[in-house]
All heavy atoms as atom14 arrays in JSON, in Angstrom:
{
  "sequence": "TTTFTLADRVPVSENKDIRVDKISITPQV",
  "atom14_mask": [
    [1, 1, 1, 1, 1, 1, 1, 0, 0, 0, 0, 0, 0, 0],
    [1, 1, 1, 1, 1, 1, 1, 0, 0, 0, 0, 0, 0, 0],
    [1, 1, 1, 1, 1, 1, 1, 0, 0, 0, 0, 0, 0, 0],
    [1, 1, 1, 1, 1, 1, 1, 1, 1, 1, 1, 0, 0, 0],
    [1, 1, 1, 1, 1, 1, 1, 0, 0, 0, 0, 0, 0, 0],
    [1, 1, 1, 1, 1, 1, 1, 1, 0, 0, 0, 0, 0, 0],
    [1, 1, 1, 1, 1, 0, 0, 0, 0, 0, 0, 0, 0, 0],
    [1, 1, 1, 1, 1, 1, 1, 1, 0, 0, 0, 0, 0, 0],
    [1, 1, 1, 1, 1, 1, 1, 1, 1, 1, 1, 0, 0, 0],
    [1, 1, 1, 1, 1, 1, 1, 0, 0, 0, 0, 0, 0, 0],
    [1, 1, 1, 1, 1, 1, 1, 0, 0, 0, 0, 0, 0, 0],
    [1, 1, 1, 1, 1, 1, 1, 0, 0, 0, 0, 0, 0, 0],
    [1, 1, 1, 1, 1, 1, 0, 0, 0, 0, 0, 0, 0, 0],
    [1, 1, 1, 1, 1, 1, 1, 1, 1, 0, 0, 0, 0, 0],
    [1, 1, 1, 1, 1, 1, 1, 1, 0, 0, 0, 0, 0, 0],
    [1, 1, 1, 1, 1, 1, 1, 1, 1, 0, 0, 0, 0, 0],
    [1, 1, 1, 1, 1, 1, 1, 1, 0, 0, 0, 0, 0, 0],
    [1, 1, 1, 1, 1, 1, 1, 1, 0, 0, 0, 0, 0, 0],
    [1, 1, 1, 1, 1, 1, 1, 1, 1, 1, 1, 0, 0, 0],
    [1, 1, 1, 1, 1, 1, 1, 0, 0, 0, 0, 0, 0, 0],
    [1, 1, 1, 1, 1, 1, 1, 1, 0, 0, 0, 0, 0, 0],
    [1, 1, 1, 1, 1, 1, 1, 1, 1, 0, 0, 0, 0, 0],
    [1, 1, 1, 1, 1, 1, 1, 1, 0, 0, 0, 0, 0, 0],
    [1, 1, 1, 1, 1, 1, 0, 0, 0, 0, 0, 0, 0, 0],
    [1, 1, 1, 1, 1, 1, 1, 1, 0, 0, 0, 0, 0, 0],
    [1, 1, 1, 1, 1, 1, 1, 0, 0, 0, 0, 0, 0, 0],
    [1, 1, 1, 1, 1, 1, 1, 0, 0, 0, 0, 0, 0, 0],
    [1, 1, 1, 1, 1, 1, 1, 1, 1, 0, 0, 0, 0, 0],
    [1, 1, 1, 1, 1, 1, 1, 0, 0, 0, 0, 0, 0, 0]
  ],
  "atom14_positions": [
    [[-56.81, 72.38, 127.5], [-56.57, 71.73, 126.28], [-55.23, 72.13, 125.83], [-54.82, 73.2, 125.93], [-57.55, 72.09, 125.21], [-58.88, 71.64, 125.66], [-57.28, 71.45, 123.8], [0.0, 0.0, 0.0], [0.0, 0.0, 0.0], [0.0, 0.0, 0.0], [0.0, 0.0, 0.0], [0.0, 0.0, 0.0], [0.0, 0.0, 0.0], [0.0, 0.0, 0.0]],
    [[-54.48, 71.19, 125.27], [-53.04, 71.5, 124.72], [-52.93, 71.02, 123.34], [-53.49, 70.01, 122.91], [-52.05, 70.83, 125.69], [-50.73, 71.3, 125.27], [-52.02, 69.31, 125.64], [0.0, 0.0, 0.0], [0.0, 0.0, 0.0], [0.0, 0.0, 0.0], [0.0, 0.0, 0.0], [0.0, 0.0, 0.0], [0.0, 0.0, 0.0], [0.0, 0.0, 0.0]],
    [[-52.17, 71.7, 122.58], [-51.85, 71.33, 121.13], [-50.34, 71.2, 121.09], [-49.59, 72.11, 121.53], [-52.43, 72.47, 120.26], [-53.75, 72.58, 120.46], [-52.09, 72.2, 118.81], [0.0, 0.0, 0.0], [0.0, 0.0, 0.0], [0.0, 0.0, 0.0], [0.0, 0.0, 0.0], [0.0, 0.0, 0.0], [0.0, 0.0, 0.0], [0.0, 0.0, 0.0]],
    [[-49.89, 70.25, 120.3], [-48.45, 70.0, 120.19], [-48.27, 69.1, 118.97], [-49.17, 68.55, 118.4], [-47.83, 69.45, 121.42], [-48.46, 68.07, 121.8], [-47.81, 66.98, 121.45], [-49.64, 68.02, 122.53], [-48.44, 65.69, 121.83], [-50.17, 66.85, 122.97], [-49.55, 65.67, 122.66], [0.0, 0.0, 0.0], [0.0, 0.0, 0.0], [0.0, 0.0, 0.0]],
    [[-47.0, 68.85, 118.57], [-46.53, 68.02, 117.54], [-45.83, 66.92, 118.07], [-44.79, 67.13, 118.9], [-45.77, 68.79, 116.38], [-46.58, 69.76, 115.86], [-45.37, 67.79, 115.36], [0.0, 0.0, 0.0], [0.0, 0.0, 0.0], [0.0, 0.0, 0.0], [0.0, 0.0, 0.0], [0.0, 0.0, 0.0], [0.0, 0.0, 0.0], [0.0, 0.0, 0.0]],
    [[-46.21, 65.67, 117.9], [-45.41, 64.5, 118.32], [-44.57, 63.98, 117.06], [-45.1, 63.96, 115.93], [-46.44, 63.43, 118.69], [-45.82, 62.01, 119.06], [-44.91, 62.19, 120.29], [-46.83, 60.97, 119.26], [0.0, 0.0, 0.0], [0.0, 0.0, 0.0], [0.0, 0.0, 0.0], [0.0, 0.0, 0.0], [0.0, 0.0, 0.0], [0.0, 0.0, 0.0]],
    [[-43.26, 63.76, 117.29], [-42.43, 63.31, 116.21], [-41.7, 62.06, 116.62], [-41.4, 61.89, 117.78], [-41.44, 64.35, 115.88], [0.0, 0.0, 0.0], [0.0, 0.0, 0.0], [0.0, 0.0, 0.0], [0.0, 0.0, 0.0], [0.0, 0.0, 0.0], [0.0, 0.0, 0.0], [0.0, 0.0, 0.0], [0.0, 0.0, 0.0], [0.0, 0.0, 0.0]],
    [[-41.47, 61.19, 115.64], [-40.74, 59.98, 115.92], [-40.02, 59.63, 114.57], [-40.2, 60.32, 113.59], [-41.61, 58.86, 116.36], [-40.86, 57.84, 117.24], [-39.65, 57.55, 117.0], [-41.44, 57.39, 118.27], [0.0, 0.0, 0.0], [0.0, 0.0, 0.0], [0.0, 0.0, 0.0], [0.0, 0.0, 0.0], [0.0, 0.0, 0.0], [0.0, 0.0, 0.0]],
    [[-39.44, 58.51, 114.5], [-38.69, 58.04, 113.31], [-38.68, 56.63, 113.1], [-38.61, 55.83, 114.03], [-37.26, 58.62, 113.4], [-36.31, 58.04, 112.32], [-34.97, 58.77, 112.51], [-34.95, 59.8, 111.58], [-34.07, 60.81, 111.58], [-33.32, 60.87, 112.6], [-34.09, 61.75, 110.73], [0.0, 0.0, 0.0], [0.0, 0.0, 0.0], [0.0, 0.0, 0.0]],
    [[-38.78, 56.26, 111.81], [-38.48, 54.8, 111.46], [-37.15, 54.92, 110.68], [-36.88, 55.8, 110.16], [-39.61, 54.19, 110.56], [-40.87, 54.12, 111.28], [-39.78, 54.96, 109.31], [0.0, 0.0, 0.0], [0.0, 0.0, 0.0], [0.0, 0.0, 0.0], [0.0, 0.0, 0.0], [0.0, 0.0, 0.0], [0.0, 0.0, 0.0], [0.0, 0.0, 0.0]],
    [[-36.42, 53.79, 110.84], [-35.07, 53.74, 110.16], [-35.17, 53.73, 108.72], [-36.13, 53.22, 108.09], [-34.38, 52.47, 110.69], [-35.45, 51.71, 111.24], [-36.63, 52.51, 111.56], [0.0, 0.0, 0.0], [0.0, 0.0, 0.0], [0.0, 0.0, 0.0], [0.0, 0.0, 0.0], [0.0, 0.0, 0.0], [0.0, 0.0, 0.0], [0.0, 0.0, 0.0]],
    [[-34.22, 54.38, 108.04], [-34.08, 54.38, 106.56], [-32.71, 53.92, 106.25], [-31.72, 54.48, 106.75], [-34.33, 55.82, 106.0], [-34.09, 55.82, 104.49], [-35.84, 56.33, 106.32], [0.0, 0.0, 0.0], [0.0, 0.0, 0.0], [0.0, 0.0, 0.0], [0.0, 0.0, 0.0], [0.0, 0.0, 0.0], [0.0, 0.0, 0.0], [0.0, 0.0, 0.0]],
    [[-32.62, 52.83, 105.5], [-31.29, 52.27, 105.2], [-30.59, 52.93, 104.07], [-31.27, 53.28, 103.0], [-31.48, 50.74, 104.87], [-30.24, 50.2, 104.43], [0.0, 0.0, 0.0], [0.0, 0.0, 0.0], [0.0, 0.0, 0.0], [0.0, 0.0, 0.0], [0.0, 0.0, 0.0], [0.0, 0.0, 0.0], [0.0, 0.0, 0.0], [0.0, 0.0, 0.0]],
    [[-29.43, 53.19, 104.24], [-28.48, 53.79, 103.19], [-27.52, 52.66, 102.7], [-26.67, 53.02, 101.88], [-27.82, 55.02, 103.68], [-28.75, 56.08, 104.04], [-27.96, 57.37, 104.59], [-26.73, 57.33, 104.65], [-28.63, 58.3, 104.9], [0.0, 0.0, 0.0], [0.0, 0.0, 0.0], [0.0, 0.0, 0.0], [0.0, 0.0, 0.0], [0.0, 0.0, 0.0]],
    [[-27.78, 51.51, 103.16], [-26.94, 50.37, 102.73], [-27.8, 49.33, 102.01], [-28.72, 48.91, 102.64], [-26.26, 49.8, 104.04], [-25.27, 48.68, 103.75], [-25.52, 47.79, 102.78], [-24.23, 48.62, 104.56], [0.0, 0.0, 0.0], [0.0, 0.0, 0.0], [0.0, 0.0, 0.0], [0.0, 0.0, 0.0], [0.0, 0.0, 0.0], [0.0, 0.0, 0.0]],
    [[-27.42, 48.9, 100.83], [-28.21, 47.92, 100.08], [-28.33, 46.61, 100.77], [-29.21, 45.84, 100.45], [-27.68, 47.8, 98.65], [-26.39, 47.21, 98.51], [-25.86, 47.11, 97.08], [-24.5, 46.62, 97.01], [-24.4, 45.19, 96.95], [0.0, 0.0, 0.0], [0.0, 0.0, 0.0], [0.0, 0.0, 0.0], [0.0, 0.0, 0.0], [0.0, 0.0, 0.0]],
    [[-27.39, 46.27, 101.71], [-27.42, 44.95, 102.41], [-28.38, 45.06, 103.65], [-28.56, 43.98, 104.3], [-25.99, 44.58, 102.81], [-25.12, 44.31, 101.59], [-25.62, 43.84, 100.65], [-23.91, 44.53, 101.67], [0.0, 0.0, 0.0], [0.0, 0.0, 0.0], [0.0, 0.0, 0.0], [0.0, 0.0, 0.0], [0.0, 0.0, 0.0], [0.0, 0.0, 0.0]],
    [[-28.87, 46.21, 103.97], [-29.84, 46.23, 105.07], [-31.15, 46.72, 104.55], [-31.21, 47.82, 103.86], [-29.3, 47.37, 106.17], [-27.87, 46.87, 106.61], [-30.23, 47.52, 107.3], [-27.2, 47.85, 107.55], [0.0, 0.0, 0.0], [0.0, 0.0, 0.0], [0.0, 0.0, 0.0], [0.0, 0.0, 0.0], [0.0, 0.0, 0.0], [0.0, 0.0, 0.0]],
    [[-32.24, 46.0, 104.87], [-33.53, 46.31, 104.33], [-34.5, 46.51, 105.47], [-34.54, 45.8, 106.47], [-33.93, 45.17, 103.5], [-35.1, 45.55, 102.5], [-35.41, 44.43, 101.54], [-36.14, 43.45, 102.26], [-36.2, 42.19, 101.95], [-35.51, 41.71, 100.97], [-36.9, 41.33, 102.62], [0.0, 0.0, 0.0], [0.0, 0.0, 0.0], [0.0, 0.0, 0.0]],
    [[-35.25, 47.59, 105.37], [-36.3, 47.98, 106.37], [-37.61, 47.91, 105.63], [-37.87, 48.5, 104.64], [-36.21, 49.47, 106.92], [-37.29, 49.68, 107.89], [-34.78, 49.61, 107.61], [0.0, 0.0, 0.0], [0.0, 0.0, 0.0], [0.0, 0.0, 0.0], [0.0, 0.0, 0.0], [0.0, 0.0, 0.0], [0.0, 0.0, 0.0], [0.0, 0.0, 0.0]],
    [[-38.53, 46.94, 106.16], [-39.83, 46.77, 105.46], [-40.89, 46.38, 106.61], [-40.59, 46.47, 107.79], [-39.73, 45.73, 104.42], [-39.33, 44.39, 104.87], [-39.07, 44.15, 105.98], [-39.24, 43.45, 103.91], [0.0, 0.0, 0.0], [0.0, 0.0, 0.0], [0.0, 0.0, 0.0], [0.0, 0.0, 0.0], [0.0, 0.0, 0.0], [0.0, 0.0, 0.0]],
    [[-42.06, 46.01, 106.04], [-43.22, 45.65, 107.0], [-43.44, 46.81, 108.02], [-43.67, 46.59, 109.1], [-43.01, 44.39, 107.66], [-42.85, 43.24, 106.66], [-42.82, 41.9, 107.36], [-42.62, 40.69, 106.36], [-42.41, 39.43, 106.95], [0.0, 0.0, 0.0], [0.0, 0.0, 0.0], [0.0, 0.0, 0.0], [0.0, 0.0, 0.0], [0.0, 0.0, 0.0]],
    [[-43.43, 48.04, 107.49], [-43.61, 49.24, 108.35], [-45.09, 49.36, 108.61], [-45.96, 49.29, 107.68], [-43.01, 50.48, 107.65], [-41.52, 50.3, 107.54], [-43.33, 51.7, 108.56], [-40.84, 51.49, 106.68], [0.0, 0.0, 0.0], [0.0, 0.0, 0.0], [0.0, 0.0, 0.0], [0.0, 0.0, 0.0], [0.0, 0.0, 0.0], [0.0, 0.0, 0.0]],
    [[-45.47, 49.41, 109.9], [-46.88, 49.59, 110.31], [-46.93, 50.79, 111.26], [-46.26, 50.69, 112.37], [-47.35, 48.42, 110.85], [-48.67, 48.57, 111.38], [0.0, 0.0, 0.0], [0.0, 0.0, 0.0], [0.0, 0.0, 0.0], [0.0, 0.0, 0.0], [0.0, 0.0, 0.0], [0.0, 0.0, 0.0], [0.0, 0.0, 0.0], [0.0, 0.0, 0.0]],
    [[-47.71, 51.91, 110.96], [-47.85, 53.03, 111.84], [-49.23, 53.24, 112.12], [-50.03, 53.36, 111.21], [-47.19, 54.25, 111.09], [-45.78, 53.91, 110.68], [-47.23, 55.45, 112.01], [-45.16, 54.85, 109.74], [0.0, 0.0, 0.0], [0.0, 0.0, 0.0], [0.0, 0.0, 0.0], [0.0, 0.0, 0.0], [0.0, 0.0, 0.0], [0.0, 0.0, 0.0]],
    [[-49.6, 53.38, 113.47], [-51.0, 53.6, 113.9], [-50.98, 54.78, 114.94], [-50.29, 54.63, 115.9], [-51.52, 52.34, 114.53], [-51.39, 51.16, 113.61], [-53.02, 52.53, 114.86], [0.0, 0.0, 0.0], [0.0, 0.0, 0.0], [0.0, 0.0, 0.0], [0.0, 0.0, 0.0], [0.0, 0.0, 0.0], [0.0, 0.0, 0.0], [0.0, 0.0, 0.0]],
    [[-51.75, 55.82, 114.68], [-52.64, 56.11, 113.53], [-51.74, 56.4, 112.24], [-50.55, 56.8, 112.45], [-53.3, 57.39, 113.94], [-52.82, 57.85, 115.19], [-51.89, 56.79, 115.73], [0.0, 0.0, 0.0], [0.0, 0.0, 0.0], [0.0, 0.0, 0.0], [0.0, 0.0, 0.0], [0.0, 0.0, 0.0], [0.0, 0.0, 0.0], [0.0, 0.0, 0.0]],
    [[-52.23, 56.03, 111.09], [-51.52, 56.06, 109.86], [-50.96, 57.42, 109.5], [-51.67, 58.4, 109.58], [-52.47, 55.57, 108.82], [-51.76, 55.58, 107.43], [-51.58, 54.15, 106.94], [-52.16, 53.26, 107.37], [-50.75, 54.01, 105.87], [0.0, 0.0, 0.0], [0.0, 0.0, 0.0], [0.0, 0.0, 0.0], [0.0, 0.0, 0.0], [0.0, 0.0, 0.0]],
    [[-49.68, 57.5, 109.24], [-49.06, 58.68, 108.73], [-47.9, 58.21, 107.85], [-47.31, 57.14, 108.18], [-48.61, 59.64, 109.95], [-47.59, 58.98, 110.76], [-48.26, 60.94, 109.4], [0.0, 0.0, 0.0], [0.0, 0.0, 0.0], [0.0, 0.0, 0.0], [0.0, 0.0, 0.0], [0.0, 0.0, 0.0], [0.0, 0.0, 0.0], [0.0, 0.0, 0.0]]
  ]
}
């Protein structure tokens, strides 16, 4: 058995002309 942390990223816009939405993450976090 092994234990670990999985990490990933969704983009975050710092520009008002770029929008990130409809984010869906499974399993939910």
